[in-house]
């Protein structure tokens, strides 16, 4: 009904305002009041949709990461070996994470250390699970691994990806440099 449409319209305004402000200034330089003002709502209303600025970042970034995962699935579909397939899947996610470096690192921290029962955190973890499931498919199809072995390796690849993206060592690295670092590590663990 109308009430639900109004709620959806507010949510869309919040997402748009937060996305624009975070991209322009970085999550640490934006206040919830600025987001509420840009969305033309009160701060109390804002907190009905996300209790913290970290949750707002998750709300915004989850959409971007889900889109990156879809681009990765498309790229991985053309791969002829498991390493190229895994990297085809991962590369768009790395690029998404690097659009605004501090936001990307904060998103990873919020995802890993946030409350998994909070809906935006749960959605972020769902995207990780979908990514790992896609990697399992690549490893079972192209490397002919058993599902349990592929599942274990998918978790390891996910850990490599997140640690490399979040690492202070790579703060100034380009997308290609991060993808290459991940590729080198993943190549070391995949069976020949």
N, C-alpha and C. Protein backbone atom coordinates (compact mmCIF):
# COMPACT_ATOMS: atom_id res chain seq x y z
N UNK A 1 0.80 -1.19 0.00
CA UNK A 1 0.00 0.00 0.00
C UNK A 1 0.85 1.26 0.00
N UNK A 2 0.19 2.36 0.26
CA UNK A 2 0.85 3.66 0.23
C UNK A 2 1.93 3.77 1.30
N UNK A 3 1.65 3.25 2.46
CA UNK A 3 2.64 3.31 3.55
C UNK A 3 3.93 2.59 3.16
N UNK A 4 3.78 1.43 2.56
CA UNK A 4 4.96 0.66 2.12
C UNK A 4 5.72 1.41 1.02
N UNK A 5 5.00 2.04 0.11
CA UNK A 5 5.66 2.83 -0.95
C UNK A 5 6.43 4.00 -0.35
N UNK A 6 5.84 4.65 0.67
CA UNK A 6 6.53 5.75 1.34
C UNK A 6 7.80 5.27 2.04
N UNK A 7 7.72 4.12 2.69
CA UNK A 7 8.91 3.55 3.34
C UNK A 7 9.99 3.24 2.30
N UNK A 8 9.58 2.66 1.18
CA UNK A 8 10.55 2.33 0.13
C UNK A 8 11.18 3.59 -0.46
N UNK A 9 10.37 4.63 -0.63
CA UNK A 9 10.89 5.90 -1.16
C UNK A 9 11.90 6.52 -0.20
N UNK A 10 11.62 6.46 1.11
CA UNK A 10 12.58 6.96 2.10
C UNK A 10 13.86 6.16 2.07
N UNK A 11 13.72 4.84 1.99
CA UNK A 11 14.90 3.99 1.93
C UNK A 11 15.75 4.33 0.71
N UNK A 12 15.13 4.51 -0.42
CA UNK A 12 15.87 4.86 -1.63
C UNK A 12 16.57 6.21 -1.49
N UNK A 13 15.91 7.18 -0.84
CA UNK A 13 16.54 8.49 -0.62
C UNK A 13 17.73 8.36 0.32
N UNK A 14 17.58 7.53 1.34
CA UNK A 14 18.69 7.31 2.28
C UNK A 14 19.87 6.67 1.57
N UNK A 15 19.60 5.63 0.79
CA UNK A 15 20.68 4.94 0.07
C UNK A 15 21.38 5.91 -0.89
N UNK A 16 20.61 6.67 -1.64
CA UNK A 16 21.19 7.62 -2.59
C UNK A 16 22.03 8.67 -1.87
N UNK A 17 21.49 9.25 -0.81
CA UNK A 17 22.21 10.28 -0.06
C UNK A 17 23.50 9.72 0.54
N UNK A 18 23.40 8.57 1.19
CA UNK A 18 24.59 7.97 1.82
C UNK A 18 25.62 7.59 0.77
N UNK A 19 25.18 7.01 -0.33
CA UNK A 19 26.09 6.61 -1.41
C UNK A 19 26.86 7.82 -1.94
N UNK A 20 26.14 8.90 -2.23
CA UNK A 20 26.79 10.09 -2.77
C UNK A 20 27.76 10.72 -1.77
N UNK A 21 27.33 10.85 -0.51
CA UNK A 21 28.19 11.46 0.50
C UNK A 21 29.41 10.59 0.81
N UNK A 22 29.20 9.29 0.94
CA UNK A 22 30.33 8.39 1.20
C UNK A 22 31.32 8.42 0.05
N UNK A 23 30.83 8.41 -1.18
CA UNK A 23 31.73 8.43 -2.34
C UNK A 23 32.50 9.74 -2.41
N UNK A 24 31.84 10.83 -2.08
CA UNK A 24 32.46 12.15 -2.17
C UNK A 24 33.47 12.40 -1.06
N UNK A 25 33.12 12.03 0.18
CA UNK A 25 33.94 12.40 1.34
C UNK A 25 34.57 11.24 2.08
N UNK A 26 34.05 10.05 1.88
CA UNK A 26 34.50 8.90 2.67
C UNK A 26 33.63 8.75 3.90
N UNK A 27 33.42 7.52 4.32
CA UNK A 27 32.51 7.23 5.41
C UNK A 27 32.91 7.92 6.71
N UNK A 28 34.19 8.06 6.98
CA UNK A 28 34.63 8.67 8.24
C UNK A 28 34.37 10.17 8.30
N UNK A 29 34.20 10.80 7.15
CA UNK A 29 34.01 12.25 7.11
C UNK A 29 32.55 12.67 6.96
N UNK A 30 31.65 11.73 7.04
CA UNK A 30 30.23 12.01 6.86
C UNK A 30 29.50 11.71 8.17
N UNK A 31 28.59 12.59 8.54
CA UNK A 31 27.79 12.34 9.75
C UNK A 31 26.41 11.81 9.35
N UNK A 32 25.78 11.16 10.31
CA UNK A 32 24.43 10.67 10.05
C UNK A 32 23.47 11.85 9.85
N UNK A 33 23.75 12.96 10.51
CA UNK A 33 22.91 14.16 10.31
C UNK A 33 23.00 14.65 8.87
N UNK A 34 24.19 14.64 8.30
CA UNK A 34 24.36 15.06 6.90
C UNK A 34 23.59 14.13 5.96
N UNK A 35 23.61 12.84 6.25
CA UNK A 35 22.87 11.89 5.42
C UNK A 35 21.37 12.13 5.56
N UNK A 36 20.90 12.32 6.79
CA UNK A 36 19.47 12.58 7.01
C UNK A 36 19.04 13.86 6.28
N UNK A 37 19.87 14.91 6.37
CA UNK A 37 19.54 16.17 5.69
C UNK A 37 19.47 15.96 4.18
N UNK A 38 20.45 15.25 3.63
CA UNK A 38 20.49 15.03 2.18
C UNK A 38 19.30 14.17 1.72
N UNK A 39 18.85 13.27 2.58
CA UNK A 39 17.70 12.41 2.26
C UNK A 39 16.37 13.08 2.58
N UNK A 40 16.43 14.26 3.19
CA UNK A 40 15.25 15.03 3.56
C UNK A 40 14.36 14.25 4.53
N UNK A 41 15.02 13.71 5.56
CA UNK A 41 14.31 13.00 6.63
C UNK A 41 14.95 13.40 7.97
N UNK A 42 14.30 13.07 9.04
CA UNK A 42 14.86 13.30 10.37
C UNK A 42 15.86 12.21 10.73
N UNK A 43 16.75 12.53 11.65
CA UNK A 43 17.74 11.51 12.06
C UNK A 43 17.07 10.33 12.74
N UNK A 44 15.97 10.58 13.46
CA UNK A 44 15.24 9.47 14.07
C UNK A 44 14.72 8.50 13.03
N UNK A 45 14.24 9.04 11.93
CA UNK A 45 13.77 8.20 10.83
C UNK A 45 14.93 7.43 10.22
N UNK A 46 16.06 8.10 10.06
CA UNK A 46 17.25 7.44 9.51
C UNK A 46 17.61 6.20 10.33
N UNK A 47 17.55 6.35 11.65
CA UNK A 47 17.95 5.24 12.52
C UNK A 47 16.96 4.08 12.53
N UNK A 48 15.77 4.30 11.97
CA UNK A 48 14.84 3.18 11.79
C UNK A 48 15.33 2.24 10.68
N UNK A 49 16.11 2.79 9.75
CA UNK A 49 16.59 2.02 8.60
C UNK A 49 17.99 1.47 8.82
N UNK A 50 18.79 2.17 9.61
CA UNK A 50 20.15 1.72 9.94
C UNK A 50 20.53 2.36 11.26
N UNK A 51 20.97 1.55 12.22
CA UNK A 51 21.24 2.05 13.57
C UNK A 51 22.56 2.78 13.70
N UNK A 52 23.50 2.49 12.79
CA UNK A 52 24.82 3.11 12.86
C UNK A 52 25.28 3.52 11.46
N UNK A 53 26.32 4.31 11.43
CA UNK A 53 26.89 4.70 10.15
C UNK A 53 27.49 3.47 9.45
N UNK A 54 28.02 2.54 10.21
CA UNK A 54 28.53 1.29 9.64
C UNK A 54 27.43 0.51 8.93
N UNK A 55 26.25 0.48 9.54
CA UNK A 55 25.12 -0.20 8.90
C UNK A 55 24.68 0.53 7.63
N UNK A 56 24.77 1.86 7.65
CA UNK A 56 24.46 2.63 6.44
C UNK A 56 25.43 2.28 5.32
N UNK A 57 26.70 2.15 5.68
CA UNK A 57 27.69 1.78 4.66
C UNK A 57 27.38 0.39 4.11
N UNK A 58 27.03 -0.54 4.98
CA UNK A 58 26.66 -1.88 4.51
C UNK A 58 25.46 -1.81 3.58
N UNK A 59 24.47 -1.03 3.97
CA UNK A 59 23.26 -0.88 3.15
C UNK A 59 23.62 -0.41 1.74
N UNK A 60 24.51 0.57 1.66
CA UNK A 60 24.91 1.12 0.37
C UNK A 60 25.79 0.13 -0.39
N UNK A 61 26.81 -0.36 0.26
CA UNK A 61 27.81 -1.19 -0.42
C UNK A 61 27.28 -2.57 -0.81
N UNK A 62 26.34 -3.11 -0.07
CA UNK A 62 25.82 -4.43 -0.41
C UNK A 62 25.30 -4.47 -1.85
N UNK A 63 24.64 -3.42 -2.26
CA UNK A 63 24.12 -3.36 -3.63
C UNK A 63 25.26 -3.36 -4.64
N UNK A 64 26.30 -2.58 -4.36
CA UNK A 64 27.45 -2.52 -5.26
C UNK A 64 28.17 -3.88 -5.31
N UNK A 65 28.31 -4.53 -4.17
CA UNK A 65 29.00 -5.83 -4.15
C UNK A 65 28.19 -6.91 -4.85
N UNK A 66 26.88 -6.88 -4.69
CA UNK A 66 26.04 -7.85 -5.39
C UNK A 66 26.17 -7.66 -6.90
N UNK A 67 26.20 -6.41 -7.36
CA UNK A 67 26.39 -6.14 -8.79
C UNK A 67 27.77 -6.62 -9.26
N UNK A 68 28.80 -6.40 -8.44
CA UNK A 68 30.15 -6.84 -8.79
C UNK A 68 30.20 -8.37 -8.88
N UNK A 69 29.51 -9.04 -7.98
CA UNK A 69 29.45 -10.51 -8.02
C UNK A 69 28.82 -10.98 -9.32
N UNK A 70 27.77 -10.33 -9.76
CA UNK A 70 27.14 -10.72 -11.03
C UNK A 70 28.09 -10.51 -12.21
N UNK A 71 28.82 -9.40 -12.21
CA UNK A 71 29.82 -9.17 -13.27
C UNK A 71 30.91 -10.25 -13.20
N UNK A 72 31.29 -10.65 -12.00
CA UNK A 72 32.28 -11.70 -11.83
C UNK A 72 31.79 -13.05 -12.33
N UNK A 73 30.55 -13.36 -12.06
CA UNK A 73 29.98 -14.62 -12.57
C UNK A 73 30.01 -14.65 -14.10
N UNK A 74 29.70 -13.53 -14.71
CA UNK A 74 29.72 -13.44 -16.17
C UNK A 74 31.14 -13.65 -16.69
N UNK A 75 32.11 -12.99 -16.07
CA UNK A 75 33.51 -13.12 -16.49
C UNK A 75 34.02 -14.54 -16.28
N UNK A 76 33.64 -15.15 -15.17
CA UNK A 76 34.12 -16.50 -14.86
C UNK A 76 33.53 -17.55 -15.80
N UNK A 77 32.38 -17.28 -16.37
CA UNK A 77 31.73 -18.25 -17.25
C UNK A 77 32.57 -18.58 -18.48
N UNK A 78 33.44 -17.67 -18.89
CA UNK A 78 34.27 -17.89 -20.08
C UNK A 78 35.61 -18.55 -19.77
N UNK A 79 35.90 -18.78 -18.50
CA UNK A 79 37.21 -19.32 -18.10
C UNK A 79 37.35 -20.78 -18.52
N UNK A 80 38.59 -21.15 -18.84
CA UNK A 80 38.87 -22.52 -19.23
C UNK A 80 39.67 -23.27 -18.16
N UNK A 81 40.11 -22.55 -17.11
CA UNK A 81 40.78 -23.23 -16.00
C UNK A 81 40.32 -22.60 -14.69
N UNK A 82 40.53 -23.30 -13.60
CA UNK A 82 39.98 -22.86 -12.31
C UNK A 82 40.60 -21.56 -11.81
N UNK A 83 41.88 -21.33 -12.06
CA UNK A 83 42.51 -20.09 -11.61
C UNK A 83 41.90 -18.90 -12.34
N UNK A 84 41.78 -18.99 -13.65
CA UNK A 84 41.17 -17.89 -14.41
C UNK A 84 39.71 -17.70 -14.02
N UNK A 85 39.01 -18.79 -13.75
CA UNK A 85 37.62 -18.68 -13.33
C UNK A 85 37.49 -17.99 -11.99
N UNK A 86 38.30 -18.41 -11.02
CA UNK A 86 38.26 -17.78 -9.69
C UNK A 86 38.62 -16.30 -9.77
N UNK A 87 39.63 -15.99 -10.56
CA UNK A 87 40.05 -14.59 -10.66
C UNK A 87 39.06 -13.76 -11.46
N UNK A 88 38.41 -14.37 -12.44
CA UNK A 88 37.35 -13.66 -13.17
C UNK A 88 36.22 -13.27 -12.23
N UNK A 89 35.92 -14.16 -11.29
CA UNK A 89 34.87 -13.90 -10.31
C UNK A 89 35.30 -12.82 -9.32
N UNK A 90 36.53 -12.89 -8.86
CA UNK A 90 37.03 -12.03 -7.79
C UNK A 90 37.37 -10.61 -8.28
N UNK A 91 37.89 -10.46 -9.48
CA UNK A 91 38.39 -9.16 -9.95
C UNK A 91 37.34 -8.04 -9.87
N UNK A 92 36.10 -8.24 -10.28
CA UNK A 92 35.12 -7.15 -10.16
C UNK A 92 34.83 -6.78 -8.70
N UNK A 93 34.92 -7.74 -7.80
CA UNK A 93 34.71 -7.46 -6.38
C UNK A 93 35.85 -6.59 -5.85
N UNK A 94 37.08 -6.90 -6.27
CA UNK A 94 38.22 -6.06 -5.89
C UNK A 94 38.02 -4.65 -6.42
N UNK A 95 37.62 -4.53 -7.67
CA UNK A 95 37.39 -3.20 -8.26
C UNK A 95 36.31 -2.44 -7.49
N UNK A 96 35.26 -3.12 -7.10
CA UNK A 96 34.18 -2.51 -6.32
C UNK A 96 34.72 -2.01 -4.98
N UNK A 97 35.55 -2.80 -4.35
CA UNK A 97 36.12 -2.46 -3.05
C UNK A 97 37.04 -1.24 -3.13
N UNK A 98 37.62 -0.98 -4.30
CA UNK A 98 38.60 0.09 -4.44
C UNK A 98 38.01 1.39 -4.99
N UNK A 99 36.71 1.47 -5.19
CA UNK A 99 36.12 2.71 -5.69
C UNK A 99 36.44 3.86 -4.73
N UNK A 100 36.32 3.61 -3.45
CA UNK A 100 36.72 4.55 -2.40
C UNK A 100 37.41 3.69 -1.36
N UNK A 101 38.73 3.75 -1.30
CA UNK A 101 39.53 2.79 -0.54
C UNK A 101 39.12 2.70 0.92
N UNK A 102 38.97 3.83 1.60
CA UNK A 102 38.61 3.79 3.02
C UNK A 102 37.22 3.18 3.22
N UNK A 103 36.29 3.50 2.33
CA UNK A 103 34.96 2.89 2.42
C UNK A 103 35.04 1.38 2.23
N UNK A 104 35.86 0.94 1.26
CA UNK A 104 36.01 -0.49 1.01
C UNK A 104 36.58 -1.22 2.21
N UNK A 105 37.58 -0.62 2.83
CA UNK A 105 38.19 -1.26 4.01
C UNK A 105 37.23 -1.25 5.19
N UNK A 106 36.50 -0.16 5.36
CA UNK A 106 35.52 -0.08 6.45
C UNK A 106 34.39 -1.08 6.22
N UNK A 107 33.96 -1.23 4.98
CA UNK A 107 32.93 -2.22 4.65
C UNK A 107 33.38 -3.62 5.06
N UNK A 108 34.60 -3.96 4.73
CA UNK A 108 35.10 -5.29 5.09
C UNK A 108 35.13 -5.47 6.60
N UNK A 109 35.58 -4.44 7.32
CA UNK A 109 35.63 -4.51 8.78
C UNK A 109 34.23 -4.68 9.35
N UNK A 110 33.28 -3.87 8.86
CA UNK A 110 31.91 -3.97 9.34
C UNK A 110 31.32 -5.36 9.05
N UNK A 111 31.63 -5.88 7.88
CA UNK A 111 31.11 -7.19 7.48
C UNK A 111 31.65 -8.29 8.40
N UNK A 112 32.93 -8.25 8.66
CA UNK A 112 33.56 -9.31 9.44
C UNK A 112 33.25 -9.20 10.93
N UNK A 113 33.27 -7.99 11.46
CA UNK A 113 33.16 -7.82 12.91
C UNK A 113 31.80 -7.32 13.38
N UNK A 114 30.89 -7.06 12.45
CA UNK A 114 29.57 -6.57 12.83
C UNK A 114 28.66 -7.69 13.33
N UNK A 115 27.51 -7.28 13.78
CA UNK A 115 26.51 -8.20 14.32
C UNK A 115 25.84 -8.97 13.18
N UNK A 116 26.10 -10.28 13.07
CA UNK A 116 25.55 -11.04 11.95
C UNK A 116 24.03 -11.17 11.98
N UNK A 117 23.40 -10.83 13.10
CA UNK A 117 21.94 -10.89 13.15
C UNK A 117 21.29 -9.60 12.63
N UNK A 118 22.09 -8.54 12.47
CA UNK A 118 21.58 -7.28 11.92
C UNK A 118 21.37 -7.50 10.43
N UNK A 119 20.24 -7.06 9.87
CA UNK A 119 19.90 -7.39 8.47
C UNK A 119 20.94 -6.98 7.43
N UNK A 120 21.55 -5.81 7.55
CA UNK A 120 22.52 -5.37 6.55
C UNK A 120 23.81 -6.19 6.63
N UNK A 121 24.19 -6.58 7.87
CA UNK A 121 25.35 -7.46 8.03
C UNK A 121 25.03 -8.84 7.47
N UNK A 122 23.84 -9.32 7.75
CA UNK A 122 23.43 -10.63 7.25
C UNK A 122 23.43 -10.64 5.73
N UNK A 123 22.99 -9.54 5.12
CA UNK A 123 23.00 -9.47 3.65
C UNK A 123 24.43 -9.49 3.12
N UNK A 124 25.34 -8.77 3.78
CA UNK A 124 26.75 -8.77 3.37
C UNK A 124 27.33 -10.18 3.46
N UNK A 125 27.03 -10.87 4.55
CA UNK A 125 27.53 -12.24 4.70
C UNK A 125 26.91 -13.18 3.66
N UNK A 126 25.68 -12.90 3.27
CA UNK A 126 25.03 -13.68 2.22
C UNK A 126 25.77 -13.49 0.89
N UNK A 127 26.21 -12.28 0.61
CA UNK A 127 26.96 -12.03 -0.62
C UNK A 127 28.28 -12.80 -0.60
N UNK A 128 28.93 -12.84 0.56
CA UNK A 128 30.16 -13.63 0.70
C UNK A 128 29.85 -15.10 0.46
N UNK A 129 28.77 -15.60 1.03
CA UNK A 129 28.40 -17.00 0.84
C UNK A 129 28.10 -17.30 -0.63
N UNK A 130 27.44 -16.38 -1.31
CA UNK A 130 27.16 -16.55 -2.74
C UNK A 130 28.46 -16.58 -3.55
N UNK A 131 29.40 -15.73 -3.15
CA UNK A 131 30.70 -15.69 -3.82
C UNK A 131 31.42 -17.02 -3.63
N UNK A 132 31.44 -17.50 -2.41
CA UNK A 132 32.09 -18.78 -2.14
C UNK A 132 31.40 -19.93 -2.87
N UNK A 133 30.08 -19.90 -2.95
CA UNK A 133 29.35 -20.93 -3.69
C UNK A 133 29.72 -20.90 -5.17
N UNK A 134 29.88 -19.70 -5.72
CA UNK A 134 30.29 -19.58 -7.12
C UNK A 134 31.70 -20.13 -7.32
N UNK A 135 32.57 -19.88 -6.35
CA UNK A 135 33.94 -20.42 -6.44
C UNK A 135 33.90 -21.94 -6.36
N UNK A 136 33.05 -22.48 -5.50
CA UNK A 136 32.90 -23.95 -5.42
C UNK A 136 32.50 -24.49 -6.78
N UNK A 137 31.55 -23.85 -7.44
CA UNK A 137 31.13 -24.30 -8.77
C UNK A 137 32.27 -24.28 -9.76
N UNK A 138 33.08 -23.23 -9.72
CA UNK A 138 34.23 -23.14 -10.62
C UNK A 138 35.22 -24.27 -10.34
N UNK A 139 35.48 -24.52 -9.07
CA UNK A 139 36.48 -25.54 -8.70
C UNK A 139 35.98 -26.96 -8.99
N UNK A 140 34.68 -27.20 -8.84
CA UNK A 140 34.18 -28.54 -9.15
C UNK A 140 34.10 -28.75 -10.65
N UNK A 141 33.75 -27.71 -11.40
CA UNK A 141 33.63 -27.83 -12.85
C UNK A 141 34.99 -27.85 -13.56
N UNK A 142 35.85 -26.90 -13.21
CA UNK A 142 37.10 -26.73 -13.96
C UNK A 142 38.31 -27.45 -13.36
N UNK A 143 38.31 -27.66 -12.04
CA UNK A 143 39.44 -28.37 -11.42
C UNK A 143 39.05 -29.80 -11.06
N UNK A 144 37.77 -30.13 -11.27
CA UNK A 144 37.26 -31.49 -11.00
C UNK A 144 37.48 -31.90 -9.54
N UNK A 145 37.34 -30.94 -8.63
CA UNK A 145 37.48 -31.24 -7.20
C UNK A 145 36.15 -31.73 -6.64
N UNK A 146 36.22 -32.49 -5.57
CA UNK A 146 35.00 -32.90 -4.88
C UNK A 146 34.38 -31.66 -4.23
N UNK A 147 33.09 -31.72 -3.97
CA UNK A 147 32.41 -30.58 -3.35
C UNK A 147 33.01 -30.19 -2.00
N UNK A 148 33.32 -31.17 -1.11
CA UNK A 148 33.92 -30.78 0.17
C UNK A 148 35.30 -30.10 0.01
N UNK A 149 36.12 -30.64 -0.89
CA UNK A 149 37.43 -30.05 -1.11
C UNK A 149 37.29 -28.66 -1.74
N UNK A 150 36.39 -28.52 -2.69
CA UNK A 150 36.16 -27.22 -3.33
C UNK A 150 35.62 -26.21 -2.33
N UNK A 151 34.76 -26.65 -1.42
CA UNK A 151 34.20 -25.77 -0.40
C UNK A 151 35.30 -25.24 0.53
N UNK A 152 36.20 -26.11 0.93
CA UNK A 152 37.32 -25.69 1.78
C UNK A 152 38.20 -24.68 1.05
N UNK A 153 38.54 -24.98 -0.19
CA UNK A 153 39.37 -24.06 -0.96
C UNK A 153 38.66 -22.73 -1.23
N UNK A 154 37.36 -22.76 -1.41
CA UNK A 154 36.60 -21.53 -1.63
C UNK A 154 36.69 -20.62 -0.41
N UNK A 155 36.62 -21.21 0.79
CA UNK A 155 36.77 -20.42 2.02
C UNK A 155 38.16 -19.82 2.11
N UNK A 156 39.17 -20.58 1.72
CA UNK A 156 40.55 -20.08 1.75
C UNK A 156 40.72 -18.95 0.73
N UNK A 157 40.17 -19.11 -0.46
CA UNK A 157 40.25 -18.06 -1.49
C UNK A 157 39.54 -16.80 -1.00
N UNK A 158 38.40 -16.97 -0.36
CA UNK A 158 37.68 -15.83 0.19
C UNK A 158 38.52 -15.10 1.23
N UNK A 159 39.17 -15.85 2.10
CA UNK A 159 40.03 -15.25 3.12
C UNK A 159 41.20 -14.51 2.48
N UNK A 160 41.80 -15.10 1.48
CA UNK A 160 42.90 -14.44 0.76
C UNK A 160 42.40 -13.12 0.16
N UNK A 161 41.26 -13.17 -0.48
CA UNK A 161 40.70 -11.98 -1.11
C UNK A 161 40.47 -10.87 -0.08
N UNK A 162 39.79 -11.18 1.01
CA UNK A 162 39.45 -10.15 1.98
C UNK A 162 40.68 -9.62 2.71
N UNK A 163 41.59 -10.50 3.08
CA UNK A 163 42.80 -10.02 3.76
C UNK A 163 43.65 -9.15 2.84
N UNK A 164 43.74 -9.52 1.59
CA UNK A 164 44.54 -8.72 0.66
C UNK A 164 43.89 -7.36 0.42
N UNK A 165 42.58 -7.32 0.27
CA UNK A 165 41.89 -6.04 0.05
C UNK A 165 41.96 -5.15 1.28
N UNK A 166 41.91 -5.73 2.48
CA UNK A 166 41.87 -4.94 3.71
C UNK A 166 43.25 -4.56 4.23
N UNK A 167 44.27 -5.24 3.76
CA UNK A 167 45.62 -5.06 4.29
C UNK A 167 46.14 -3.64 4.12
N UNK A 168 46.77 -3.14 5.16
CA UNK A 168 47.43 -1.82 5.09
C UNK A 168 48.53 -1.83 4.05
N UNK A 169 49.10 -2.98 3.81
CA UNK A 169 50.15 -3.13 2.79
C UNK A 169 49.65 -2.70 1.41
N UNK A 170 48.37 -2.85 1.16
CA UNK A 170 47.81 -2.57 -0.16
C UNK A 170 46.98 -1.28 -0.22
N UNK A 171 47.12 -0.42 0.78
CA UNK A 171 46.34 0.82 0.79
C UNK A 171 46.55 1.63 -0.49
N UNK A 172 47.79 1.69 -0.95
CA UNK A 172 48.10 2.49 -2.14
C UNK A 172 48.21 1.65 -3.41
N UNK A 173 47.88 0.37 -3.34
CA UNK A 173 48.00 -0.50 -4.51
C UNK A 173 46.85 -0.26 -5.48
N UNK A 174 47.14 -0.46 -6.75
CA UNK A 174 46.09 -0.36 -7.77
C UNK A 174 45.23 -1.62 -7.75
N UNK A 175 44.13 -1.56 -8.45
CA UNK A 175 43.26 -2.74 -8.58
C UNK A 175 44.04 -3.90 -9.18
N UNK A 176 44.79 -3.63 -10.25
CA UNK A 176 45.56 -4.69 -10.90
C UNK A 176 46.60 -5.29 -9.97
N UNK A 177 47.24 -4.46 -9.15
CA UNK A 177 48.24 -4.97 -8.21
C UNK A 177 47.59 -5.87 -7.16
N UNK A 178 46.42 -5.50 -6.70
CA UNK A 178 45.72 -6.33 -5.71
C UNK A 178 45.26 -7.63 -6.35
N UNK A 179 44.70 -7.54 -7.54
CA UNK A 179 44.27 -8.76 -8.25
C UNK A 179 45.47 -9.68 -8.48
N UNK A 180 46.61 -9.12 -8.87
CA UNK A 180 47.81 -9.94 -9.07
C UNK A 180 48.27 -10.60 -7.78
N UNK A 181 48.21 -9.86 -6.66
CA UNK A 181 48.59 -10.43 -5.36
C UNK A 181 47.66 -11.57 -4.98
N UNK A 182 46.38 -11.40 -5.20
CA UNK A 182 45.42 -12.47 -4.91
C UNK A 182 45.67 -13.65 -5.83
N UNK A 183 45.89 -13.39 -7.12
CA UNK A 183 46.12 -14.45 -8.09
C UNK A 183 47.35 -15.30 -7.70
N UNK A 184 48.42 -14.65 -7.28
CA UNK A 184 49.64 -15.37 -6.88
C UNK A 184 49.35 -16.31 -5.70
N UNK A 185 48.59 -15.81 -4.75
CA UNK A 185 48.28 -16.63 -3.56
C UNK A 185 47.34 -17.77 -3.92
N UNK A 186 46.33 -17.49 -4.72
CA UNK A 186 45.37 -18.52 -5.11
C UNK A 186 46.06 -19.60 -5.96
N UNK A 187 46.95 -19.18 -6.84
CA UNK A 187 47.68 -20.15 -7.67
C UNK A 187 48.49 -21.11 -6.80
N UNK A 188 48.97 -20.63 -5.68
CA UNK A 188 49.78 -21.47 -4.79
C UNK A 188 48.98 -22.57 -4.10
N UNK A 189 47.66 -22.39 -3.99
CA UNK A 189 46.86 -23.38 -3.28
C UNK A 189 46.02 -24.27 -4.18
N UNK A 190 45.83 -23.84 -5.42
CA UNK A 190 45.02 -24.66 -6.32
C UNK A 190 45.82 -25.85 -6.85
N UNK A 191 45.18 -27.00 -6.96
CA UNK A 191 45.89 -28.15 -7.55
C UNK A 191 46.17 -27.89 -9.03
N UNK A 192 47.27 -28.45 -9.49
CA UNK A 192 47.66 -28.26 -10.90
C UNK A 192 46.77 -29.01 -11.85
